[in-house]
Amino acid sequence: MNQLNQNKMRYTIKLPQDQQDIVVDALRIYKETIESLCPTKEDAINGKHFDLQGLIGIFSEKDIEVRIEMDERVHNSFISRGHNVDFPIY
């Protein structure tokens, strides 16, 4: 490991279940929108539908911890990356 990587500060944040539930709601709405297009023969849409079902399961499962990891540089520049908010404090 080079010295640059050894000195990099990393943030690891466990996403609270309340925030995971918001992601589940958004994913479900997206999935329902895709279902309104069905049946479709487009593989990309069918693949997204399948992936959405898996992600909904991951984010809604109470026994799975979802963690977000980022460099300190990303954390500290979150607002200036076009998000218009600081990174949330959990």
Protein backbone atom coordinates (compact mmCIF):
# COMPACT_ATOMS: atom_id res chain seq x y z
CA MET A 1 0.00 0.00 0.00
CA ASN A 2 1.47 3.34 -0.91
CA GLN A 3 1.80 6.17 1.60
CA LEU A 4 -0.95 8.24 0.02
CA ASN A 5 -3.49 5.50 0.72
CA GLN A 6 -2.22 5.00 4.28
CA ASN A 7 -2.81 8.66 5.14
CA LYS A 8 -6.24 8.99 3.50
CA MET A 9 -9.05 9.55 5.96
CA ARG A 10 -12.10 7.40 5.20
CA TYR A 11 -15.64 7.83 6.47
CA THR A 12 -17.88 4.83 6.99
CA ILE A 13 -21.48 5.60 7.86
CA LYS A 14 -24.20 3.08 8.69
CA LEU A 15 -27.32 4.23 6.88
CA PRO A 16 -30.15 4.42 9.45
CA GLN A 17 -33.23 2.29 8.78
CA ASP A 18 -35.40 5.41 8.41
CA GLN A 19 -33.17 6.54 5.54
CA GLN A 20 -33.14 3.05 4.04
CA ASP A 21 -36.96 3.12 4.11
CA ILE A 22 -36.91 6.32 2.03
CA VAL A 23 -34.72 4.53 -0.53
CA VAL A 24 -37.15 1.59 -0.55
CA ASP A 25 -40.09 3.94 -1.23
CA ALA A 26 -38.22 5.57 -4.13
CA LEU A 27 -37.19 2.20 -5.57
CA ARG A 28 -40.77 0.90 -5.35
CA ILE A 29 -42.09 3.96 -7.22
CA TYR A 30 -39.43 3.46 -9.89
CA LYS A 31 -40.29 -0.25 -10.12
CA GLU A 32 -44.01 0.51 -10.45
CA THR A 33 -43.24 2.99 -13.23
CA ILE A 34 -41.29 0.32 -15.09
CA GLU A 35 -44.14 -2.15 -14.56
CA SER A 36 -46.52 0.32 -16.20
CA LEU A 37 -44.41 -0.05 -19.37
CA CYS A 38 -44.67 -3.83 -19.33
CA PRO A 39 -44.82 -6.07 -21.10
CA THR A 40 -41.70 -5.03 -22.89
CA LYS A 41 -39.09 -6.92 -24.83
CA GLU A 42 -36.36 -4.42 -24.00
CA ASP A 43 -33.69 -6.28 -22.02
CA ALA A 44 -32.40 -3.14 -20.29
CA ILE A 45 -35.82 -2.39 -18.79
CA ASN A 46 -36.37 -6.00 -17.77
CA GLY A 47 -32.91 -6.07 -16.19
CA LYS A 48 -33.59 -2.87 -14.23
CA HIS A 49 -36.87 -4.32 -12.98
CA PHE A 50 -35.07 -7.42 -11.72
CA ASP A 51 -32.30 -5.35 -10.09
CA LEU A 52 -34.83 -3.05 -8.43
CA GLN A 53 -36.55 -6.04 -6.82
CA GLY A 54 -33.21 -7.14 -5.35
CA LEU A 55 -32.33 -3.65 -4.11
CA ILE A 56 -35.75 -3.27 -2.49
CA GLY A 57 -35.08 -6.52 -0.64
CA ILE A 58 -31.63 -5.38 0.53
CA PHE A 59 -32.72 -1.95 1.74
CA SER A 60 -35.90 -3.19 3.44
CA GLU A 61 -34.25 -6.13 5.25
CA LYS A 62 -33.85 -5.17 8.92
CA ASP A 63 -30.97 -7.64 9.43
CA ILE A 64 -28.76 -6.08 6.73
CA GLU A 65 -26.63 -3.04 7.50
CA VAL A 66 -26.11 -0.70 4.57
CA ARG A 67 -22.87 1.26 4.90
CA ILE A 68 -21.61 4.20 2.90
CA GLU A 69 -17.86 4.63 2.60
CA MET A 70 -16.06 7.62 1.14
CA ASP A 71 -12.82 9.55 1.29
CA GLU A 72 -12.68 12.56 3.56
CA ARG A 73 -12.28 14.71 0.42
CA VAL A 74 -15.62 13.48 -0.94
CA HIS A 75 -17.35 13.95 2.42
CA ASN A 76 -16.02 17.48 2.81
CA SER A 77 -16.88 18.52 -0.75
CA PHE A 78 -20.34 16.95 -0.87
CA ILE A 79 -22.19 20.30 -1.11
CA SER A 80 -19.95 21.61 -3.88
CA ARG A 81 -20.50 18.44 -5.93
CA GLY A 82 -23.92 19.76 -6.93
CA HIS A 83 -25.95 18.20 -4.09
CA ASN A 84 -26.80 21.58 -2.50
CA VAL A 85 -26.70 20.08 1.01
CA ASP A 86 -23.93 18.97 3.35
CA PHE A 87 -23.52 15.24 3.76
CA PRO A 88 -26.11 14.17 6.37
CA ILE A 89 -24.97 13.53 9.93
CA TYR A 90 -26.15 10.14 11.16
